[in-house]
Amino acid sequence: MIGDQQTGAIDGVHIHAVVFEGLTVTVNGVPAQLAIVAADGTIVAAGKDVAREVEAVAVNCHRNFLKGEGHLRVLSNPIPTKVRAAA
């Protein structure tokens, strides 16, 4: 796991990480968003909240590794979801 990790495994999808911007996603050059999809296909959360949460968990995991704390697993708190009535 030390060293550069291979990326580019999903055709047309580019996930960008910039320290002062966070994570952004494009699909074939068009802006897109990250989403949490349940096993039944329900979109639980999507957008900037998901991107911020993913970034925070990844950064915290990396920091714990660098500190040598032995905590290689980082869990996030649930993302508040907005329940929408079916149309």
Protein backbone atom coordinates (compact mmCIF):
# COMPACT_ATOMS: atom_id res chain seq x y z
CA MET A 1 0.00 0.00 0.00
CA ILE A 2 2.99 2.30 0.30
CA GLY A 3 3.61 4.23 -2.89
CA ASP A 4 1.30 5.40 -5.63
CA GLN A 5 -2.01 3.59 -5.90
CA GLN A 6 -3.31 2.66 -9.35
CA THR A 7 -6.20 4.82 -10.54
CA GLY A 8 -8.22 5.08 -13.73
CA ALA A 9 -10.03 1.74 -13.44
CA ILE A 10 -13.47 3.14 -14.37
CA ASP A 11 -13.78 4.21 -18.01
CA GLY A 12 -14.69 7.88 -18.39
CA VAL A 13 -14.76 8.55 -14.64
CA HIS A 14 -12.19 10.91 -13.17
CA ILE A 15 -12.06 11.54 -9.43
CA HIS A 16 -9.94 14.56 -8.57
CA ALA A 17 -8.53 15.45 -5.16
CA VAL A 18 -7.13 18.91 -4.46
CA VAL A 19 -6.05 19.76 -0.92
CA PHE A 20 -7.90 23.08 -0.81
CA GLU A 21 -10.90 21.99 -2.95
CA GLY A 22 -11.72 18.47 -1.78
CA LEU A 23 -12.97 15.73 -4.09
CA THR A 24 -14.66 16.35 -7.42
CA VAL A 25 -15.89 13.88 -10.01
CA THR A 26 -16.37 14.08 -13.76
CA VAL A 27 -17.79 11.54 -16.20
CA ASN A 28 -16.49 12.00 -19.73
CA GLY A 29 -15.58 15.58 -18.79
CA VAL A 30 -19.02 16.46 -17.40
CA PRO A 31 -19.34 17.29 -13.67
CA ALA A 32 -20.86 14.45 -11.63
CA GLN A 33 -21.35 13.65 -7.95
CA LEU A 34 -20.51 10.85 -5.56
CA ALA A 35 -23.39 8.89 -4.04
CA ILE A 36 -24.06 6.24 -1.41
CA VAL A 37 -26.29 3.57 -2.94
CA ALA A 38 -27.95 0.92 -0.74
CA ALA A 39 -28.04 -2.72 -1.80
CA ASP A 40 -31.61 -2.27 -3.08
CA GLY A 41 -30.55 0.62 -5.34
CA THR A 42 -31.89 3.41 -3.13
CA ILE A 43 -29.72 6.54 -3.23
CA VAL A 44 -29.13 7.27 0.45
CA ALA A 45 -27.00 10.38 0.05
CA ALA A 46 -25.30 12.19 -2.82
CA GLY A 47 -23.31 15.28 -3.64
CA LYS A 48 -20.91 17.46 -1.70
CA ASP A 49 -21.82 15.95 1.70
CA VAL A 50 -20.73 12.52 0.48
CA ALA A 51 -17.54 13.90 -1.07
CA ARG A 52 -16.63 15.72 2.17
CA GLU A 53 -17.31 12.61 4.26
CA VAL A 54 -15.23 10.36 1.98
CA GLU A 55 -12.38 12.85 2.02
CA ALA A 56 -12.49 13.20 5.82
CA VAL A 57 -12.42 9.43 6.37
CA ALA A 58 -9.52 8.97 3.91
CA VAL A 59 -7.51 11.83 5.45
CA ASN A 60 -8.12 10.61 9.02
CA CYS A 61 -7.11 7.06 8.08
CA HIS A 62 -3.91 8.33 6.46
CA ARG A 63 -3.09 10.55 9.45
CA ASN A 64 -3.58 7.64 11.86
CA PHE A 65 -1.22 5.56 9.73
CA LEU A 66 1.41 8.32 9.76
CA LYS A 67 1.10 8.73 13.53
CA GLY A 68 1.63 5.00 13.98
CA GLU A 69 -1.45 4.71 16.16
CA GLY A 70 -2.42 1.34 14.77
CA HIS A 71 -5.90 2.60 13.90
CA LEU A 72 -6.00 1.65 10.25
CA ARG A 73 -9.79 1.62 10.16
CA VAL A 74 -11.67 4.92 10.37
CA LEU A 75 -15.44 5.03 10.71
CA SER A 76 -17.59 8.06 10.03
CA ASN A 77 -20.79 9.09 11.73
CA PRO A 78 -23.97 8.72 9.69
CA ILE A 79 -24.58 11.44 7.10
CA PRO A 80 -27.93 13.12 7.85
CA THR A 81 -30.35 12.20 5.10
CA LYS A 82 -33.35 14.10 3.88
CA VAL A 83 -36.39 11.88 3.53
CA ARG A 84 -38.32 12.84 0.43
CA ALA A 85 -41.89 11.84 -0.25
CA ALA A 86 -42.40 9.83 -3.41
CA ALA A 87 -43.84 11.86 -6.26
